[in-house]
Amino acid sequence: MRARGLIVGAVLVVPAGVMLGGCDSSSANAAFVVKGGDPSQGPPLIRYYGCAACHTIPGVPGATGHVGPPLAKFRNRTYIAGVLSNNAENLVLWIQHPRKVSAHTAMPETGISDAEARHVAAYLYSR
């Protein structure tokens, strides 16, 4: 007698920490590497440019603002400002020129330099 409609399946066992689809944890983290950014320089720049007045930012004294979103666990977000994919270059762009991304944003153009924006971005991704 023949068995009809018999489906034999296989179980794929993947070790913990390995992701399928060509995206391992090192390539996923690469999106959050800010070239030229030094996280240790972020907090004083955040305070100098007034980011703390609008945002709650862990590790930055006085950063308890409630105008903008809290910036804890920033690397876990999918989007920046609801429109940009969350990666280092987009975050630097947003920090430097928020109005180029969203003309009606309340976030001001502060005049922060590219190098300084990279330090701030590196700090946000380090938290």
PDB file of N, CA and C in Angstrom:
ATOM      1  N   MET A   1       0.822  -1.179   0.000  1.00  0.00           N
ATOM      2  CA  MET A   1       0.000   0.000   0.000  1.00  0.00           C
ATOM      3  C   MET A   1       0.875   1.254   0.000  1.00  0.00           C
ATOM      4  N   ARG A   2       0.450   2.247  -0.750  1.00  0.00           N
ATOM      5  CA  ARG A   2       1.200   3.495  -0.816  1.00  0.00           C
ATOM      6  C   ARG A   2       0.546   4.529   0.083  1.00  0.00           C
ATOM      7  N   ALA A   3       1.385   5.289   0.719  1.00  0.00           N
ATOM      8  CA  ALA A   3       0.869   6.388   1.536  1.00  0.00           C
ATOM      9  C   ALA A   3       0.695   7.603   0.636  1.00  0.00           C
ATOM     10  N   ARG A   4      -0.503   8.135   0.599  1.00  0.00           N
ATOM     11  CA  ARG A   4      -0.776   9.291  -0.247  1.00  0.00           C
ATOM     12  C   ARG A   4      -0.802  10.556   0.602  1.00  0.00           C
ATOM     13  N   GLY A   5      -0.228  11.585   0.033  1.00  0.00           N
ATOM     14  CA  GLY A   5      -0.264  12.878   0.716  1.00  0.00           C
ATOM     15  C   GLY A   5       0.642  12.953   1.932  1.00  0.00           C
ATOM     16  N   LEU A   6       1.589  12.042   2.029  1.00  0.00           N
ATOM     17  CA  LEU A   6       2.490  12.052   3.169  1.00  0.00           C
ATOM     18  C   LEU A   6       3.541  13.133   2.958  1.00  0.00           C
ATOM     19  N   ILE A   7       3.646  14.026   3.906  1.00  0.00           N
ATOM     20  CA  ILE A   7       4.613  15.110   3.822  1.00  0.00           C
ATOM     21  C   ILE A   7       5.662  14.877   4.897  1.00  0.00           C
ATOM     22  N   VAL A   8       6.860  14.800   4.450  1.00  0.00           N
ATOM     23  CA  VAL A   8       7.959  14.615   5.389  1.00  0.00           C
ATOM     24  C   VAL A   8       8.650  15.959   5.527  1.00  0.00           C
ATOM     25  N   GLY A   9       8.719  16.439   6.743  1.00  0.00           N
ATOM     26  CA  GLY A   9       9.331  17.741   6.979  1.00  0.00           C
ATOM     27  C   GLY A   9      10.669  17.601   7.667  1.00  0.00           C
ATOM     28  N   ALA A  10      11.444  18.622   7.542  1.00  0.00           N
ATOM     29  CA  ALA A  10      12.737  18.656   8.216  1.00  0.00           C
ATOM     30  C   ALA A  10      12.705  19.792   9.224  1.00  0.00           C
ATOM     31  N   VAL A  11      13.450  19.611  10.257  1.00  0.00           N
ATOM     32  CA  VAL A  11      13.563  20.646  11.277  1.00  0.00           C
ATOM     33  C   VAL A  11      14.922  21.295  11.104  1.00  0.00           C
ATOM     34  N   LEU A  12      14.908  22.601  10.984  1.00  0.00           N
ATOM     35  CA  LEU A  12      16.143  23.359  10.859  1.00  0.00           C
ATOM     36  C   LEU A  12      16.498  23.891  12.226  1.00  0.00           C
ATOM     37  N   VAL A  13      17.656  23.505  12.687  1.00  0.00           N
ATOM     38  CA  VAL A  13      18.116  23.971  13.989  1.00  0.00           C
ATOM     39  C   VAL A  13      19.165  25.039  13.738  1.00  0.00           C
ATOM     40  N   VAL A  14      18.924  26.218  14.298  1.00  0.00           N
ATOM     41  CA  VAL A  14      19.837  27.334  14.136  1.00  0.00           C
ATOM     42  C   VAL A  14      20.390  27.687  15.497  1.00  0.00           C
ATOM     43  N   PRO A  15      21.708  27.754  15.618  1.00  0.00           N
ATOM     44  CA  PRO A  15      22.293  28.109  16.908  1.00  0.00           C
ATOM     45  C   PRO A  15      21.842  29.489  17.370  1.00  0.00           C
ATOM     46  N   ALA A  16      21.758  29.674  18.667  1.00  0.00           N
ATOM     47  CA  ALA A  16      21.369  30.967  19.223  1.00  0.00           C
ATOM     48  C   ALA A  16      22.338  32.040  18.742  1.00  0.00           C
ATOM     49  N   GLY A  17      21.803  33.190  18.409  1.00  0.00           N
ATOM     50  CA  GLY A  17      22.619  34.310  17.981  1.00  0.00           C
ATOM     51  C   GLY A  17      22.813  34.383  16.473  1.00  0.00           C
ATOM     52  N   VAL A  18      22.393  33.346  15.745  1.00  0.00           N
ATOM     53  CA  VAL A  18      22.539  33.369  14.294  1.00  0.00           C
ATOM     54  C   VAL A  18      21.207  33.764  13.692  1.00  0.00           C
ATOM     55  N   MET A  19      21.250  34.718  12.774  1.00  0.00           N
ATOM     56  CA  MET A  19      20.024  35.168  12.127  1.00  0.00           C
ATOM     57  C   MET A  19      20.041  34.691  10.686  1.00  0.00           C
ATOM     58  N   LEU A  20      18.904  34.313  10.164  1.00  0.00           N
ATOM     59  CA  LEU A  20      18.800  33.881   8.784  1.00  0.00           C
ATOM     60  C   LEU A  20      18.612  35.078   7.877  1.00  0.00           C
ATOM     61  N   GLY A  21      18.810  34.875   6.594  1.00  0.00           N
ATOM     62  CA  GLY A  21      18.561  35.945   5.629  1.00  0.00           C
ATOM     63  C   GLY A  21      19.766  36.831   5.387  1.00  0.00           C
ATOM     64  N   GLY A  22      20.962  36.375   5.761  1.00  0.00           N
ATOM     65  CA  GLY A  22      22.166  37.135   5.475  1.00  0.00           C
ATOM     66  C   GLY A  22      22.385  38.322   6.378  1.00  0.00           C
ATOM     67  N   CYS A  23      21.706  38.399   7.471  1.00  0.00           N
ATOM     68  CA  CYS A  23      21.855  39.542   8.371  1.00  0.00           C
ATOM     69  C   CYS A  23      22.238  39.024   9.742  1.00  0.00           C
ATOM     70  N   ASP A  24      23.520  39.056  10.045  1.00  0.00           N
ATOM     71  CA  ASP A  24      23.928  38.623  11.374  1.00  0.00           C
ATOM     72  C   ASP A  24      24.011  39.835  12.288  1.00  0.00           C
ATOM     73  N   SER A  25      24.306  39.608  13.554  1.00  0.00           N
ATOM     74  CA  SER A  25      24.293  40.713  14.502  1.00  0.00           C
ATOM     75  C   SER A  25      25.360  41.746  14.189  1.00  0.00           C
ATOM     76  N   SER A  26      26.496  41.334  13.606  1.00  0.00           N
ATOM     77  CA  SER A  26      27.527  42.317  13.294  1.00  0.00           C
ATOM     78  C   SER A  26      27.089  43.238  12.162  1.00  0.00           C
ATOM     79  N   SER A  27      26.384  42.717  11.152  1.00  0.00           N
ATOM     80  CA  SER A  27      25.927  43.597  10.078  1.00  0.00           C
ATOM     81  C   SER A  27      24.771  44.467  10.543  1.00  0.00           C
ATOM     82  N   ALA A  28      23.949  43.961  11.451  1.00  0.00           N
ATOM     83  CA  ALA A  28      22.861  44.777  11.994  1.00  0.00           C
ATOM     84  C   ALA A  28      23.431  45.924  12.819  1.00  0.00           C
ATOM     85  N   ASN A  29      24.495  45.668  13.580  1.00  0.00           N
ATOM     86  CA  ASN A  29      25.108  46.714  14.389  1.00  0.00           C
ATOM     87  C   ASN A  29      25.883  47.717  13.554  1.00  0.00           C
ATOM     88  N   ALA A  30      26.306  47.332  12.350  1.00  0.00           N
ATOM     89  CA  ALA A  30      27.055  48.234  11.481  1.00  0.00           C
ATOM     90  C   ALA A  30      26.259  49.489  11.160  1.00  0.00           C
ATOM     91  N   ALA A  31      24.943  49.387  11.116  1.00  0.00           N
ATOM     92  CA  ALA A  31      24.101  50.554  10.831  1.00  0.00           C
ATOM     93  C   ALA A  31      24.228  51.620  11.918  1.00  0.00           C
ATOM     94  N   PHE A  32      24.675  51.207  13.093  1.00  0.00           N
ATOM     95  CA  PHE A  32      24.745  52.126  14.223  1.00  0.00           C
ATOM     96  C   PHE A  32      26.166  52.576  14.544  1.00  0.00           C
ATOM     97  N   VAL A  33      27.111  52.278  13.655  1.00  0.00           N
ATOM     98  CA  VAL A  33      28.476  52.750  13.821  1.00  0.00           C
ATOM     99  C   VAL A  33      28.568  54.121  13.169  1.00  0.00           C
ATOM    100  N   VAL A  34      28.917  55.107  13.953  1.00  0.00           N
ATOM    101  CA  VAL A  34      28.987  56.481  13.463  1.00  0.00           C
ATOM    102  C   VAL A  34      30.450  56.807  13.174  1.00  0.00           C
ATOM    103  N   LYS A  35      30.794  56.881  11.899  1.00  0.00           N
ATOM    104  CA  LYS A  35      32.172  57.193  11.505  1.00  0.00           C
ATOM    105  C   LYS A  35      32.557  58.565  12.032  1.00  0.00           C
ATOM    106  N   GLY A  36      33.653  58.613  12.773  1.00  0.00           N
ATOM    107  CA  GLY A  36      34.130  59.872  13.325  1.00  0.00           C
ATOM    108  C   GLY A  36      33.428  60.294  14.598  1.00  0.00           C
ATOM    109  N   GLY A  37      32.526  59.461  15.105  1.00  0.00           N
ATOM    110  CA  GLY A  37      31.792  59.800  16.320  1.00  0.00           C
ATOM    111  C   GLY A  37      32.459  59.266  17.569  1.00  0.00           C
ATOM    112  N   ASP A  38      32.503  60.078  18.603  1.00  0.00           N
ATOM    113  CA  ASP A  38      33.047  59.694  19.908  1.00  0.00           C
ATOM    114  C   ASP A  38      31.937  59.887  20.942  1.00  0.00           C
ATOM    115  N   PRO A  39      31.356  58.779  21.420  1.00  0.00           N
ATOM    116  CA  PRO A  39      30.236  58.895  22.367  1.00  0.00           C
ATOM    117  C   PRO A  39      30.557  59.725  23.606  1.00  0.00           C
ATOM    118  N   SER A  40      31.802  59.727  24.043  1.00  0.00           N
ATOM    119  CA  SER A  40      32.146  60.472  25.259  1.00  0.00           C
ATOM    120  C   SER A  40      32.008  61.983  25.067  1.00  0.00           C
ATOM    121  N   GLN A  41      32.034  62.446  23.825  1.00  0.00           N
ATOM    122  CA  GLN A  41      31.882  63.876  23.565  1.00  0.00           C
ATOM    123  C   GLN A  41      30.421  64.302  23.402  1.00  0.00           C
ATOM    124  N   GLY A  42      29.511  63.329  23.382  1.00  0.00           N
ATOM    125  CA  GLY A  42      28.102  63.634  23.177  1.00  0.00           C
ATOM    126  C   GLY A  42      27.427  64.457  24.262  1.00  0.00           C
ATOM    127  N   PRO A  43      27.523  64.051  25.545  1.00  0.00           N
ATOM    128  CA  PRO A  43      26.781  64.780  26.583  1.00  0.00           C
ATOM    129  C   PRO A  43      27.046  66.279  26.659  1.00  0.00           C
ATOM    130  N   PRO A  44      28.304  66.736  26.616  1.00  0.00           N
ATOM    131  CA  PRO A  44      28.480  68.195  26.670  1.00  0.00           C
ATOM    132  C   PRO A  44      27.892  68.903  25.441  1.00  0.00           C
ATOM    133  N   LEU A  45      27.956  68.261  24.285  1.00  0.00           N
ATOM    134  CA  LEU A  45      27.371  68.863  23.079  1.00  0.00           C
ATOM    135  C   LEU A  45      25.847  68.897  23.163  1.00  0.00           C
ATOM    136  N   ILE A  46      25.276  67.850  23.707  1.00  0.00           N
ATOM    137  CA  ILE A  46      23.823  67.788  23.898  1.00  0.00           C
ATOM    138  C   ILE A  46      23.366  68.937  24.792  1.00  0.00           C
ATOM    139  N   ARG A  47      24.123  69.206  25.833  1.00  0.00           N
ATOM    140  CA  ARG A  47      23.770  70.310  26.723  1.00  0.00           C
ATOM    141  C   ARG A  47      24.019  71.666  26.047  1.00  0.00           C
ATOM    142  N   TYR A  48      25.149  71.799  25.359  1.00  0.00           N
ATOM    143  CA  TYR A  48      25.506  73.060  24.712  1.00  0.00           C
ATOM    144  C   TYR A  48      24.470  73.475  23.662  1.00  0.00           C
ATOM    145  N   TYR A  49      24.010  72.533  22.858  1.00  0.00           N
ATOM    146  CA  TYR A  49      23.071  72.856  21.782  1.00  0.00           C
ATOM    147  C   TYR A  49      21.609  72.856  22.229  1.00  0.00           C
ATOM    148  N   GLY A  50      21.357  72.624  23.496  1.00  0.00           N
ATOM    149  CA  GLY A  50      20.006  72.759  24.028  1.00  0.00           C
ATOM    150  C   GLY A  50      19.101  71.555  23.828  1.00  0.00           C
ATOM    151  N   CYS A  51      19.648  70.432  23.401  1.00  0.00           N
ATOM    152  CA  CYS A  51      18.833  69.221  23.184  1.00  0.00           C
ATOM    153  C   CYS A  51      18.122  68.805  24.477  1.00  0.00           C
ATOM    154  N   ALA A  52      18.791  69.040  25.608  1.00  0.00           N
ATOM    155  CA  ALA A  52      18.257  68.643  26.909  1.00  0.00           C
ATOM    156  C   ALA A  52      17.000  69.417  27.291  1.00  0.00           C
ATOM    157  N   ALA A  53      16.777  70.560  26.678  1.00  0.00           N
ATOM    158  CA  ALA A  53      15.579  71.346  26.991  1.00  0.00           C
ATOM    159  C   ALA A  53      14.318  70.673  26.461  1.00  0.00           C
ATOM    160  N   CYS A  54      14.459  69.888  25.399  1.00  0.00           N
ATOM    161  CA  CYS A  54      13.292  69.268  24.770  1.00  0.00           C
ATOM    162  C   CYS A  54      13.221  67.752  24.927  1.00  0.00           C
ATOM    163  N   HIS A  55      14.350  67.115  25.200  1.00  0.00           N
ATOM    164  CA  HIS A  55      14.391  65.651  25.258  1.00  0.00           C
ATOM    165  C   HIS A  55      14.862  65.145  26.609  1.00  0.00           C
ATOM    166  N   THR A  56      14.345  64.001  27.006  1.00  0.00           N
ATOM    167  CA  THR A  56      14.890  63.255  28.132  1.00  0.00           C
ATOM    168  C   THR A  56      15.942  62.331  27.548  1.00  0.00           C
ATOM    169  N   ILE A  57      17.174  62.463  28.045  1.00  0.00           N
ATOM    170  CA  ILE A  57      18.292  61.703  27.491  1.00  0.00           C
ATOM    171  C   ILE A  57      19.063  61.074  28.638  1.00  0.00           C
ATOM    172  N   PRO A  58      19.096  59.738  28.700  1.00  0.00           N
ATOM    173  CA  PRO A  58      19.807  59.072  29.787  1.00  0.00           C
ATOM    174  C   PRO A  58      21.293  59.451  29.808  1.00  0.00           C
ATOM    175  N   GLY A  59      21.797  59.688  31.012  1.00  0.00           N
ATOM    176  CA  GLY A  59      23.212  59.976  31.179  1.00  0.00           C
ATOM    177  C   GLY A  59      23.600  61.426  30.964  1.00  0.00           C
ATOM    178  N   VAL A  60      22.633  62.277  30.636  1.00  0.00           N
ATOM    179  CA  VAL A  60      22.927  63.701  30.422  1.00  0.00           C
ATOM    180  C   VAL A  60      22.239  64.490  31.537  1.00  0.00           C
ATOM    181  N   PRO A  61      23.027  65.057  32.445  1.00  0.00           N
ATOM    182  CA  PRO A  61      22.424  65.826  33.537  1.00  0.00           C
ATOM    183  C   PRO A  61      21.527  66.944  33.017  1.00  0.00           C
ATOM    184  N   GLY A  62      20.337  67.035  33.579  1.00  0.00           N
ATOM    185  CA  GLY A  62      19.393  68.075  33.212  1.00  0.00           C
ATOM    186  C   GLY A  62      18.587  67.793  31.956  1.00  0.00           C
ATOM    187  N   ALA A  63      18.832  66.671  31.299  1.00  0.00           N
ATOM    188  CA  ALA A  63      18.092  66.343  30.069  1.00  0.00           C
ATOM    189  C   ALA A  63      16.787  65.654  30.447  1.00  0.00           C
ATOM    190  N   THR A  64      15.810  66.484  30.806  1.00  0.00           N
ATOM    191  CA  THR A  64      14.525  65.961  31.260  1.00  0.00           C
ATOM    192  C   THR A  64      13.357  66.603  30.521  1.00  0.00           C
ATOM    193  N   GLY A  65      13.623  67.105  29.325  1.00  0.00           N
ATOM    194  CA  GLY A  65      12.587  67.788  28.548  1.00  0.00           C
ATOM    195  C   GLY A  65      11.490  66.847  28.078  1.00  0.00           C
ATOM    196  N   HIS A  66      10.320  67.420  27.840  1.00  0.00           N
ATOM    197  CA  HIS A  66       9.160  66.641  27.400  1.00  0.00           C
ATOM    198  C   HIS A  66       8.540  67.188  26.116  1.00  0.00           C
ATOM    199  N   VAL A  67       9.251  68.047  25.404  1.00  0.00           N
ATOM    200  CA  VAL A  67       8.741  68.585  24.141  1.00  0.00           C
ATOM    201  C   VAL A  67       8.913  67.550  23.036  1.00  0.00           C
ATOM    202  N   GLY A  68      10.127  67.022  22.904  1.00  0.00           N
ATOM    203  CA  GLY A  68      10.423  65.978  21.929  1.00  0.00           C
ATOM    204  C   GLY A  68      10.387  64.616  22.600  1.00  0.00           C
ATOM    205  N   PRO A  69      10.537  63.553  21.825  1.00  0.00           N
ATOM    206  CA  PRO A  69      10.481  62.214  22.406  1.00  0.00           C
ATOM    207  C   PRO A  69      11.697  61.924  23.283  1.00  0.00           C
ATOM    208  N   PRO A  70      11.548  61.035  24.264  1.00  0.00           N
ATOM    209  CA  PRO A  70      12.712  60.601  25.037  1.00  0.00           C
ATOM    210  C   PRO A  70      13.659  59.838  24.104  1.00  0.00           C
ATOM    211  N   LEU A  71      14.963  59.958  24.356  1.00  0.00           N
ATOM    212  CA  LEU A  71      15.937  59.380  23.439  1.00  0.00           C
ATOM    213  C   LEU A  71      16.655  58.150  24.004  1.00  0.00           C
ATOM    214  N   ALA A  72      16.035  57.485  24.963  1.00  0.00           N
ATOM    215  CA  ALA A  72      16.583  56.231  25.489  1.00  0.00           C
ATOM    216  C   ALA A  72      16.436  55.129  24.446  1.00  0.00           C
ATOM    217  N   LYS A  73      17.380  54.212  24.426  1.00  0.00           N
ATOM    218  CA  LYS A  73      17.346  53.036  23.539  1.00  0.00           C
ATOM    219  C   LYS A  73      17.106  53.428  22.083  1.00  0.00           C
ATOM    220  N   PHE A  74      17.791  54.452  21.640  1.00  0.00           N
ATOM    221  CA  PHE A  74      17.554  54.992  20.303  1.00  0.00           C
ATOM    222  C   PHE A  74      17.822  53.978  19.199  1.00  0.00           C
ATOM    223  N   ARG A  75      18.803  53.115  19.411  1.00  0.00           N
ATOM    224  CA  ARG A  75      19.131  52.140  18.363  1.00  0.00           C
ATOM    225  C   ARG A  75      18.015  51.116  18.155  1.00  0.00           C
ATOM    226  N   ASN A  76      17.084  51.015  19.075  1.00  0.00           N
ATOM    227  CA  ASN A  76      15.981  50.064  18.930  1.00  0.00           C
ATOM    228  C   ASN A  76      14.837  50.607  18.069  1.00  0.00           C
ATOM    229  N   ARG A  77      14.903  51.856  17.699  1.00  0.00           N
ATOM    230  CA  ARG A  77      13.832  52.449  16.898  1.00  0.00           C
ATOM    231  C   ARG A  77      13.968  52.085  15.425  1.00  0.00           C
ATOM    232  N   THR A  78      12.859  51.972  14.754  1.00  0.00           N
ATOM    233  CA  THR A  78      12.861  51.659  13.330  1.00  0.00           C
ATOM    234  C   THR A  78      13.065  52.917  12.496  1.00  0.00           C
ATOM    235  N   TYR A  79      12.458  54.016  12.920  1.00  0.00           N
ATOM    236  CA  TYR A  79      12.508  55.256  12.155  1.00  0.00           C
ATOM    237  C   TYR A  79      13.024  56.420  12.983  1.00  0.00           C
ATOM    238  N   ILE A  80      13.572  57.388  12.287  1.00  0.00           N
ATOM    239  CA  ILE A  80      13.951  58.669  12.867  1.00  0.00           C
ATOM    240  C   ILE A  80      12.938  59.682  12.348  1.00  0.00           C
ATOM    241  N   ALA A  81      12.316  60.408  13.254  1.00  0.00           N
ATOM    242  CA  ALA A  81      11.319  61.426  12.905  1.00  0.00           C
ATOM    243  C   ALA A  81      10.157  60.843  12.117  1.00  0.00           C
ATOM    244  N   GLY A  82       9.956  59.557  12.209  1.00  0.00           N
ATOM    245  CA  GLY A  82       8.839  58.911  11.532  1.00  0.00           C
ATOM    246  C   GLY A  82       9.008  58.732  10.041  1.00  0.00           C
ATOM    247  N   VAL A  83      10.148  59.161   9.478  1.00  0.00           N
ATOM    248  CA  VAL A  83      10.308  59.098   8.023  1.00  0.00           C
ATOM    249  C   VAL A  83      11.627  58.526   7.529  1.00  0.00           C
ATOM    250  N   LEU A  84      12.678  58.563   8.325  1.00  0.00           N
ATOM    251  CA  LEU A  84      13.990  58.067   7.907  1.00  0.00           C
ATOM    252  C   LEU A  84      14.274  56.725   8.555  1.00  0.00           C
ATOM    253  N   SER A  85      14.863  55.799   7.815  1.00  0.00           N
ATOM    254  CA  SER A  85      15.324  54.547   8.415  1.00  0.00           C
ATOM    255  C   SER A  85      16.368  54.885   9.466  1.00  0.00           C
ATOM    256  N   ASN A  86      16.334  54.154  10.568  1.00  0.00           N
ATOM    257  CA  ASN A  86      17.264  54.430  11.651  1.00  0.00           C
ATOM    258  C   ASN A  86      18.631  53.839  11.329  1.00  0.00           C
ATOM    259  N   ASN A  87      19.525  54.713  10.874  1.00  0.00           N
ATOM    260  CA  ASN A  87      20.924  54.345  10.681  1.00  0.00           C
ATOM    261  C   ASN A  87      21.769  55.580  10.963  1.00  0.00           C
ATOM    262  N   ALA A  88      23.071  55.386  11.061  1.00  0.00           N
ATOM    263  CA  ALA A  88      23.969  56.458  11.497  1.00  0.00           C
ATOM    264  C   ALA A  88      23.920  57.690  10.592  1.00  0.00           C
ATOM    265  N   GLU A  89      23.987  57.500   9.297  1.00  0.00           N
ATOM    266  CA  GLU A  89      24.010  58.662   8.407  1.00  0.00           C
ATOM    267  C   GLU A  89      22.703  59.453   8.460  1.00  0.00           C
ATOM    268  N   ASN A  90      21.581  58.746   8.566  1.00  0.00           N
ATOM    269  CA  ASN A  90      20.295  59.449   8.674  1.00  0.00           C
ATOM    270  C   ASN A  90      20.177  60.198   9.992  1.00  0.00           C
ATOM    271  N   LEU A  91      20.704  59.615  11.064  1.00  0.00           N
ATOM    272  CA  LEU A  91      20.634  60.306  12.354  1.00  0.00           C
ATOM    273  C   LEU A  91      21.489  61.569  12.329  1.00  0.00           C
ATOM    274  N   VAL A  92      22.668  61.495  11.735  1.00  0.00           N
ATOM    275  CA  VAL A  92      23.516  62.685  11.621  1.00  0.00           C
ATOM    276  C   VAL A  92      22.796  63.758  10.800  1.00  0.00           C
ATOM    277  N   LEU A  93      22.188  63.359   9.696  1.00  0.00           N
ATOM    278  CA  LEU A  93      21.414  64.304   8.877  1.00  0.00           C
ATOM    279  C   LEU A  93      20.312  64.954   9.703  1.00  0.00           C
ATOM    280  N   TRP A  94      19.555  64.152  10.439  1.00  0.00           N
ATOM    281  CA  TRP A  94      18.444  64.666  11.247  1.00  0.00           C
ATOM    282  C   TRP A  94      18.931  65.643  12.309  1.00  0.00           C
ATOM    283  N   ILE A  95      20.021  65.292  12.989  1.00  0.00           N
ATOM    284  CA  ILE A  95      20.553  66.169  14.038  1.00  0.00           C
ATOM    285  C   ILE A  95      21.009  67.500  13.440  1.00  0.00           C
ATOM    286  N   GLN A  96      21.654  67.446  12.283  1.00  0.00           N
ATOM    287  CA  GLN A  96      22.167  68.663  11.661  1.00  0.00           C
ATOM    288  C   GLN A  96      21.099  69.492  10.962  1.00  0.00           C
ATOM    289  N   HIS A  97      20.239  68.822  10.224  1.00  0.00           N
ATOM    290  CA  HIS A  97      19.283  69.543   9.369  1.00  0.00           C
ATOM    291  C   HIS A  97      17.876  68.949   9.449  1.00  0.00           C
ATOM    292  N   PRO A  98      17.231  69.049  10.599  1.00  0.00           N
ATOM    293  CA  PRO A  98      15.904  68.454  10.734  1.00  0.00           C
ATOM    294  C   PRO A  98      14.875  69.015   9.753  1.00  0.00           C
ATOM    295  N   ARG A  99      15.010  70.258   9.377  1.00  0.00           N
ATOM    296  CA  ARG A  99      14.034  70.878   8.475  1.00  0.00           C
ATOM    297  C   ARG A  99      14.181  70.393   7.033  1.00  0.00           C
ATOM    298  N   LYS A 100      15.345  69.844   6.676  1.00  0.00           N
ATOM    299  CA  LYS A 100      15.499  69.231   5.356  1.00  0.00           C
ATOM    300  C   LYS A 100      14.735  67.911   5.295  1.00  0.00           C
ATOM    301  N   VAL A 101      14.593  67.281   6.460  1.00  0.00           N
ATOM    302  CA  VAL A 101      13.880  66.005   6.541  1.00  0.00           C
ATOM    303  C   VAL A 101      12.386  66.240   6.665  1.00  0.00           C
ATOM    304  N   SER A 102      12.003  67.171   7.518  1.00  0.00           N
ATOM    305  CA  SER A 102      10.594  67.454   7.773  1.00  0.00           C
ATOM    306  C   SER A 102      10.435  68.965   7.964  1.00  0.00           C
ATOM    307  N   ALA A 103       9.917  69.614   6.966  1.00  0.00           N
ATOM    308  CA  ALA A 103       9.827  71.078   6.969  1.00  0.00           C
ATOM    309  C   ALA A 103       9.040  71.648   8.147  1.00  0.00           C
ATOM    310  N   HIS A 104       8.116  70.876   8.683  1.00  0.00           N
ATOM    311  CA  HIS A 104       7.243  71.388   9.746  1.00  0.00           C
ATOM    312  C   HIS A 104       7.610  70.884  11.139  1.00  0.00           C
ATOM    313  N   THR A 105       8.789  70.304  11.280  1.00  0.00           N
ATOM    314  CA  THR A 105       9.190  69.809  12.589  1.00  0.00           C
ATOM    315  C   THR A 105       9.411  70.956  13.569  1.00  0.00           C
ATOM    316  N   ALA A 106       9.211  70.676  14.826  1.00  0.00           N
ATOM    317  CA  ALA A 106       9.487  71.667  15.867  1.00  0.00           C
ATOM    318  C   ALA A 106      10.972  71.676  16.226  1.00  0.00           C
ATOM    319  N   MET A 107      11.705  70.652  15.778  1.00  0.00           N
ATOM    320  CA  MET A 107      13.130  70.584  16.092  1.00  0.00           C
ATOM    321  C   MET A 107      13.870  71.675  15.319  1.00  0.00           C
ATOM    322  N   PRO A 108      14.650  72.473  16.033  1.00  0.00           N
ATOM    323  CA  PRO A 108      15.312  73.604  15.381  1.00  0.00           C
ATOM    324  C   PRO A 108      16.610  73.212  14.670  1.00  0.00           C
ATOM    325  N   GLU A 109      16.978  74.033  13.713  1.00  0.00           N
ATOM    326  CA  GLU A 109      18.309  73.968  13.114  1.00  0.00           C
ATOM    327  C   GLU A 109      19.226  74.677  14.118  1.00  0.00           C
ATOM    328  N   THR A 110      20.156  73.949  14.707  1.00  0.00           N
ATOM    329  CA  THR A 110      20.979  74.521  15.776  1.00  0.00           C
ATOM    330  C   THR A 110      22.321  75.058  15.299  1.00  0.00           C
ATOM    331  N   GLY A 111      22.726  74.686  14.094  1.00  0.00           N
ATOM    332  CA  GLY A 111      24.046  75.080  13.620  1.00  0.00           C
ATOM    333  C   GLY A 111      25.129  74.100  14.036  1.00  0.00           C
ATOM    334  N   ILE A 112      24.733  72.951  14.553  1.00  0.00           N
ATOM    335  CA  ILE A 112      25.700  71.939  14.965  1.00  0.00           C
ATOM    336  C   ILE A 112      26.497  71.468  13.744  1.00  0.00           C
ATOM    337  N   SER A 113      27.789  71.291  13.931  1.00  0.00           N
ATOM    338  CA  SER A 113      28.650  70.870  12.817  1.00  0.00           C
ATOM    339  C   SER A 113      28.489  69.374  12.551  1.00  0.00           C
ATOM    340  N   ASP A 114      28.999  68.929  11.423  1.00  0.00           N
ATOM    341  CA  ASP A 114      28.945  67.510  11.086  1.00  0.00           C
ATOM    342  C   ASP A 114      29.695  66.686  12.127  1.00  0.00           C
ATOM    343  N   ALA A 115      30.890  67.116  12.506  1.00  0.00           N
ATOM    344  CA  ALA A 115      31.680  66.378  13.497  1.00  0.00           C
ATOM    345  C   ALA A 115      30.941  66.295  14.835  1.00  0.00           C
ATOM    346  N   GLU A 116      30.359  67.403  15.263  1.00  0.00           N
ATOM    347  CA  GLU A 116      29.628  67.411  16.534  1.00  0.00           C
ATOM    348  C   GLU A 116      28.385  66.528  16.458  1.00  0.00           C
ATOM    349  N   ALA A 117      27.667  66.579  15.338  1.00  0.00           N
ATOM    350  CA  ALA A 117      26.474  65.735  15.172  1.00  0.00           C
ATOM    351  C   ALA A 117      26.859  64.257  15.221  1.00  0.00           C
ATOM    352  N   ARG A 118      28.028  63.910  14.704  1.00  0.00           N
ATOM    353  CA  ARG A 118      28.499  62.528  14.758  1.00  0.00           C
ATOM    354  C   ARG A 118      28.768  62.088  16.189  1.00  0.00           C
ATOM    355  N   HIS A 119      29.299  62.978  17.013  1.00  0.00           N
ATOM    356  CA  HIS A 119      29.528  62.653  18.424  1.00  0.00           C
ATOM    357  C   HIS A 119      28.192  62.439  19.149  1.00  0.00           C
ATOM    358  N   VAL A 120      27.228  63.301  18.879  1.00  0.00           N
ATOM    359  CA  VAL A 120      25.907  63.173  19.509  1.00  0.00           C
ATOM    360  C   VAL A 120      25.238  61.872  19.064  1.00  0.00           C
ATOM    361  N   ALA A 121      25.294  61.575  17.777  1.00  0.00           N
ATOM    362  CA  ALA A 121      24.701  60.328  17.263  1.00  0.00           C
ATOM    363  C   ALA A 121      25.375  59.111  17.893  1.00  0.00           C
ATOM    364  N   ALA A 122      26.696  59.134  17.976  1.00  0.00           N
ATOM    365  CA  ALA A 122      27.423  58.019  18.595  1.00  0.00           C
ATOM    366  C   ALA A 122      26.991  57.830  20.044  1.00  0.00           C
ATOM    367  N   TYR A 123      26.785  58.933  20.747  1.00  0.00           N
ATOM    368  CA  TYR A 123      26.317  58.840  22.139  1.00  0.00           C
ATOM    369  C   TYR A 123      24.925  58.221  22.210  1.00  0.00           C
ATOM    370  N   LEU A 124      24.022  58.688  21.372  1.00  0.00           N
ATOM    371  CA  LEU A 124      22.651  58.153  21.410  1.00  0.00           C
ATOM    372  C   LEU A 124      22.635  56.654  21.108  1.00  0.00           C
ATOM    373  N   TYR A 125      23.457  56.209  20.182  1.00  0.00           N
ATOM    374  CA  TYR A 125      23.504  54.773  19.870  1.00  0.00           C
ATOM    375  C   TYR A 125      24.207  53.975  20.963  1.00  0.00           C
ATOM    376  N   SER A 126      24.999  54.620  21.781  1.00  0.00           N
ATOM    377  CA  SER A 126      25.720  53.907  22.857  1.00  0.00           C
ATOM    378  C   SER A 126      24.845  53.635  24.067  1.00  0.00           C
ATOM    379  N   ARG A 127      23.707  54.283  24.155  1.00  0.00           N
ATOM    380  CA  ARG A 127      22.845  54.149  25.326  1.00  0.00           C
ATOM    381  C   ARG A 127      21.960  52.938  25.191  1.00  0.00           C
TER     382      ARG A 127
END
